[in-house]
Amino acid sequence: MVEQDVAPTADPDSAIVHGYRQRVGSLRLTGMVGLNARLAIEQYLRQTLWRTPI
């Protein structure tokens, strides 16, 4: 939505905060911790938790 200029970044974050009752939306969280930290977390979780489906 944001990449295609359909909605500003506040709209998807607002949907996450109100829909899932999170304190902070994912885009705002990324802005606070940085893209490098989010990427490192994603890579760690993928390596430790991902299992190839049978």
PDB file of N, CA and C in Angstrom:
ATOM      1  N   MET A   1       0.816  -1.183   0.000  1.00  0.00           N
ATOM      2  CA  MET A   1       0.000   0.000   0.000  1.00  0.00           C
ATOM      3  C   MET A   1       0.868   1.257   0.000  1.00  0.00           C
ATOM      4  N   VAL A   2       1.898   1.249   0.819  1.00  0.00           N
ATOM      5  CA  VAL A   2       2.758   2.422   0.932  1.00  0.00           C
ATOM      6  C   VAL A   2       3.612   2.569  -0.317  1.00  0.00           C
ATOM      7  N   GLU A   3       4.176   1.460  -0.810  1.00  0.00           N
ATOM      8  CA  GLU A   3       5.033   1.511  -1.991  1.00  0.00           C
ATOM      9  C   GLU A   3       4.288   2.006  -3.220  1.00  0.00           C
ATOM     10  N   GLN A   4       3.007   1.691  -3.323  1.00  0.00           N
ATOM     11  CA  GLN A   4       2.213   2.080  -4.484  1.00  0.00           C
ATOM     12  C   GLN A   4       1.498   3.407  -4.274  1.00  0.00           C
ATOM     13  N   ASP A   5       1.830   4.130  -3.204  1.00  0.00           N
ATOM     14  CA  ASP A   5       1.228   5.429  -2.884  1.00  0.00           C
ATOM     15  C   ASP A   5      -0.289   5.357  -2.748  1.00  0.00           C
ATOM     16  N   VAL A   6      -0.790   4.237  -2.258  1.00  0.00           N
ATOM     17  CA  VAL A   6      -2.221   4.090  -2.012  1.00  0.00           C
ATOM     18  C   VAL A   6      -2.574   4.679  -0.652  1.00  0.00           C
ATOM     19  N   ALA A   7      -1.644   4.547   0.299  1.00  0.00           N
ATOM     20  CA  ALA A   7      -1.900   5.040   1.653  1.00  0.00           C
ATOM     21  C   ALA A   7      -0.596   5.529   2.272  1.00  0.00           C
ATOM     22  N   PRO A   8      -0.678   6.521   3.146  1.00  0.00           N
ATOM     23  CA  PRO A   8       0.528   6.941   3.867  1.00  0.00           C
ATOM     24  C   PRO A   8       0.927   5.881   4.899  1.00  0.00           C
ATOM     25  N   THR A   9       2.151   5.946   5.401  1.00  0.00           N
ATOM     26  CA  THR A   9       2.631   4.926   6.333  1.00  0.00           C
ATOM     27  C   THR A   9       1.803   4.861   7.608  1.00  0.00           C
ATOM     28  N   ALA A  10       1.140   5.929   7.973  1.00  0.00           N
ATOM     29  CA  ALA A  10       0.339   5.923   9.203  1.00  0.00           C
ATOM     30  C   ALA A  10      -0.883   5.012   9.089  1.00  0.00           C
ATOM     31  N   ASP A  11      -1.432   4.835   7.897  1.00  0.00           N
ATOM     32  CA  ASP A  11      -2.646   4.028   7.747  1.00  0.00           C
ATOM     33  C   ASP A  11      -2.424   2.539   8.025  1.00  0.00           C
ATOM     34  N   PRO A  12      -1.429   1.881   7.406  1.00  0.00           N
ATOM     35  CA  PRO A  12      -1.207   0.470   7.744  1.00  0.00           C
ATOM     36  C   PRO A  12      -0.809   0.292   9.210  1.00  0.00           C
ATOM     37  N   ASP A  13      -0.023   1.215   9.737  1.00  0.00           N
ATOM     38  CA  ASP A  13       0.350   1.126  11.145  1.00  0.00           C
ATOM     39  C   ASP A  13      -0.872   1.262  12.039  1.00  0.00           C
ATOM     40  N   SER A  14      -1.767   2.158  11.700  1.00  0.00           N
ATOM     41  CA  SER A  14      -2.994   2.334  12.476  1.00  0.00           C
ATOM     42  C   SER A  14      -3.838   1.063  12.438  1.00  0.00           C
ATOM     43  N   ALA A  15      -3.901   0.417  11.289  1.00  0.00           N
ATOM     44  CA  ALA A  15      -4.658  -0.833  11.170  1.00  0.00           C
ATOM     45  C   ALA A  15      -4.052  -1.924  12.048  1.00  0.00           C
ATOM     46  N   ILE A  16      -2.732  -1.991  12.107  1.00  0.00           N
ATOM     47  CA  ILE A  16      -2.065  -2.991  12.945  1.00  0.00           C
ATOM     48  C   ILE A  16      -2.303  -2.698  14.421  1.00  0.00           C
ATOM     49  N   VAL A  17      -2.156  -1.429  14.807  1.00  0.00           N
ATOM     50  CA  VAL A  17      -2.337  -1.048  16.211  1.00  0.00           C
ATOM     51  C   VAL A  17      -3.758  -1.332  16.674  1.00  0.00           C
ATOM     52  N   HIS A  18      -4.740  -0.946  15.885  1.00  0.00           N
ATOM     53  CA  HIS A  18      -6.129  -1.122  16.295  1.00  0.00           C
ATOM     54  C   HIS A  18      -6.658  -2.534  16.015  1.00  0.00           C
ATOM     55  N   GLY A  19      -6.252  -3.132  14.915  1.00  0.00           N
ATOM     56  CA  GLY A  19      -6.760  -4.452  14.556  1.00  0.00           C
ATOM     57  C   GLY A  19      -6.172  -5.577  15.388  1.00  0.00           C
ATOM     58  N   TYR A  20      -4.864  -5.518  15.624  1.00  0.00           N
ATOM     59  CA  TYR A  20      -4.193  -6.574  16.384  1.00  0.00           C
ATOM     60  C   TYR A  20      -3.869  -6.156  17.810  1.00  0.00           C
ATOM     61  N   ARG A  21      -4.273  -4.948  18.167  1.00  0.00           N
ATOM     62  CA  ARG A  21      -4.044  -4.401  19.515  1.00  0.00           C
ATOM     63  C   ARG A  21      -2.574  -4.393  19.891  1.00  0.00           C
ATOM     64  N   GLN A  22      -1.738  -4.026  18.933  1.00  0.00           N
ATOM     65  CA  GLN A  22      -0.317  -3.857  19.198  1.00  0.00           C
ATOM     66  C   GLN A  22      -0.065  -2.433  19.681  1.00  0.00           C
ATOM     67  N   ARG A  23       0.992  -2.225  20.418  1.00  0.00           N
ATOM     68  CA  ARG A  23       1.297  -0.876  20.903  1.00  0.00           C
ATOM     69  C   ARG A  23       1.889  -0.001  19.810  1.00  0.00           C
ATOM     70  N   VAL A  24       2.634  -0.619  18.897  1.00  0.00           N
ATOM     71  CA  VAL A  24       3.309   0.123  17.829  1.00  0.00           C
ATOM     72  C   VAL A  24       3.130  -0.649  16.534  1.00  0.00           C
ATOM     73  N   GLY A  25       2.892   0.063  15.437  1.00  0.00           N
ATOM     74  CA  GLY A  25       2.785  -0.571  14.135  1.00  0.00           C
ATOM     75  C   GLY A  25       4.145  -1.020  13.622  1.00  0.00           C
ATOM     76  N   SER A  26       4.143  -1.940  12.673  1.00  0.00           N
ATOM     77  CA  SER A  26       5.405  -2.506  12.188  1.00  0.00           C
ATOM     78  C   SER A  26       6.276  -1.483  11.461  1.00  0.00           C
ATOM     79  N   LEU A  27       5.669  -0.564  10.726  1.00  0.00           N
ATOM     80  CA  LEU A  27       6.469   0.438  10.025  1.00  0.00           C
ATOM     81  C   LEU A  27       7.103   1.426  10.997  1.00  0.00           C
ATOM     82  N   ARG A  28       6.359   1.820  12.016  1.00  0.00           N
ATOM     83  CA  ARG A  28       6.918   2.720  13.026  1.00  0.00           C
ATOM     84  C   ARG A  28       8.014   2.017  13.820  1.00  0.00           C
ATOM     85  N   LEU A  29       7.808   0.746  14.139  1.00  0.00           N
ATOM     86  CA  LEU A  29       8.820  -0.019  14.855  1.00  0.00           C
ATOM     87  C   LEU A  29      10.104  -0.113  14.041  1.00  0.00           C
ATOM     88  N   THR A  30       9.968  -0.348  12.743  1.00  0.00           N
ATOM     89  CA  THR A  30      11.139  -0.393  11.879  1.00  0.00           C
ATOM     90  C   THR A  30      11.865   0.939  11.892  1.00  0.00           C
ATOM     91  N   GLY A  31      11.121   2.031  11.904  1.00  0.00           N
ATOM     92  CA  GLY A  31      11.739   3.346  11.983  1.00  0.00           C
ATOM     93  C   GLY A  31      12.464   3.577  13.293  1.00  0.00           C
ATOM     94  N   MET A  32      11.965   2.975  14.361  1.00  0.00           N
ATOM     95  CA  MET A  32      12.587   3.166  15.675  1.00  0.00           C
ATOM     96  C   MET A  32      13.844   2.319  15.845  1.00  0.00           C
ATOM     97  N   VAL A  33      13.815   1.056  15.416  1.00  0.00           N
ATOM     98  CA  VAL A  33      14.961   0.169  15.647  1.00  0.00           C
ATOM     99  C   VAL A  33      15.923   0.123  14.464  1.00  0.00           C
ATOM    100  N   GLY A  34      15.456   0.485  13.291  1.00  0.00           N
ATOM    101  CA  GLY A  34      16.307   0.490  12.107  1.00  0.00           C
ATOM    102  C   GLY A  34      16.133  -0.757  11.257  1.00  0.00           C
ATOM    103  N   LEU A  35      16.379  -0.595   9.985  1.00  0.00           N
ATOM    104  CA  LEU A  35      16.225  -1.709   9.046  1.00  0.00           C
ATOM    105  C   LEU A  35      17.246  -2.807   9.290  1.00  0.00           C
ATOM    106  N   ASN A  36      18.465  -2.437   9.681  1.00  0.00           N
ATOM    107  CA  ASN A  36      19.492  -3.455   9.924  1.00  0.00           C
ATOM    108  C   ASN A  36      19.095  -4.389  11.051  1.00  0.00           C
ATOM    109  N   ALA A  37      18.525  -3.839  12.110  1.00  0.00           N
ATOM    110  CA  ALA A  37      18.094  -4.679  13.233  1.00  0.00           C
ATOM    111  C   ALA A  37      16.948  -5.586  12.816  1.00  0.00           C
ATOM    112  N   ARG A  38      15.980  -5.049  12.076  1.00  0.00           N
ATOM    113  CA  ARG A  38      14.847  -5.873  11.628  1.00  0.00           C
ATOM    114  C   ARG A  38      15.318  -6.997  10.708  1.00  0.00           C
ATOM    115  N   LEU A  39      16.264  -6.699   9.827  1.00  0.00           N
ATOM    116  CA  LEU A  39      16.804  -7.719   8.929  1.00  0.00           C
ATOM    117  C   LEU A  39      17.550  -8.789   9.714  1.00  0.00           C
ATOM    118  N   ALA A  40      18.346  -8.394  10.689  1.00  0.00           N
ATOM    119  CA  ALA A  40      19.087  -9.360  11.499  1.00  0.00           C
ATOM    120  C   ALA A  40      18.136 -10.271  12.269  1.00  0.00           C
ATOM    121  N   ILE A  41      17.066  -9.714  12.805  1.00  0.00           N
ATOM    122  CA  ILE A  41      16.070 -10.512  13.529  1.00  0.00           C
ATOM    123  C   ILE A  41      15.404 -11.505  12.590  1.00  0.00           C
ATOM    124  N   GLU A  42      15.017 -11.042  11.408  1.00  0.00           N
ATOM    125  CA  GLU A  42      14.358 -11.923  10.429  1.00  0.00           C
ATOM    126  C   GLU A  42      15.281 -13.055  10.013  1.00  0.00           C
ATOM    127  N   GLN A  43      16.546 -12.752   9.770  1.00  0.00           N
ATOM    128  CA  GLN A  43      17.489 -13.785   9.357  1.00  0.00           C
ATOM    129  C   GLN A  43      17.717 -14.801  10.470  1.00  0.00           C
ATOM    130  N   TYR A  44      17.828 -14.333  11.700  1.00  0.00           N
ATOM    131  CA  TYR A  44      18.009 -15.242  12.833  1.00  0.00           C
ATOM    132  C   TYR A  44      16.802 -16.164  12.989  1.00  0.00           C
ATOM    133  N   LEU A  45      15.606 -15.592  12.949  1.00  0.00           N
ATOM    134  CA  LEU A  45      14.402 -16.402  13.114  1.00  0.00           C
ATOM    135  C   LEU A  45      14.250 -17.414  11.988  1.00  0.00           C
ATOM    136  N   ARG A  46      14.593 -17.012  10.780  1.00  0.00           N
ATOM    137  CA  ARG A  46      14.488 -17.941   9.652  1.00  0.00           C
ATOM    138  C   ARG A  46      15.451 -19.112   9.824  1.00  0.00           C
ATOM    139  N   GLN A  47      16.670 -18.835  10.248  1.00  0.00           N
ATOM    140  CA  GLN A  47      17.663 -19.896  10.415  1.00  0.00           C
ATOM    141  C   GLN A  47      17.320 -20.833  11.569  1.00  0.00           C
ATOM    142  N   THR A  48      16.756 -20.297  12.640  1.00  0.00           N
ATOM    143  CA  THR A  48      16.514 -21.125  13.818  1.00  0.00           C
ATOM    144  C   THR A  48      15.140 -21.783  13.832  1.00  0.00           C
ATOM    145  N   LEU A  49      14.150 -21.180  13.212  1.00  0.00           N
ATOM    146  CA  LEU A  49      12.791 -21.695  13.314  1.00  0.00           C
ATOM    147  C   LEU A  49      12.247 -22.334  12.042  1.00  0.00           C
ATOM    148  N   TRP A  50      12.761 -21.959  10.884  1.00  0.00           N
ATOM    149  CA  TRP A  50      12.195 -22.450   9.631  1.00  0.00           C
ATOM    150  C   TRP A  50      12.555 -23.907   9.408  1.00  0.00           C
ATOM    151  N   ARG A  51      11.568 -24.682   9.105  1.00  0.00           N
ATOM    152  CA  ARG A  51      11.756 -26.083   8.731  1.00  0.00           C
ATOM    153  C   ARG A  51      11.093 -26.298   7.384  1.00  0.00           C
ATOM    154  N   THR A  52      11.785 -26.985   6.483  1.00  0.00           N
ATOM    155  CA  THR A  52      11.240 -27.265   5.167  1.00  0.00           C
ATOM    156  C   THR A  52      10.020 -28.172   5.308  1.00  0.00           C
ATOM    157  N   PRO A  53       8.911 -27.810   4.653  1.00  0.00           N
ATOM    158  CA  PRO A  53       7.720 -28.666   4.736  1.00  0.00           C
ATOM    159  C   PRO A  53       7.992 -30.052   4.173  1.00  0.00           C
ATOM    160  N   ILE A  54       7.343 -31.026   4.728  1.00  0.00           N
ATOM    161  CA  ILE A  54       7.535 -32.419   4.281  1.00  0.00           C
ATOM    162  C   ILE A  54       6.765 -32.659   3.007  1.00  0.00           C
TER     163      ILE A  54
END
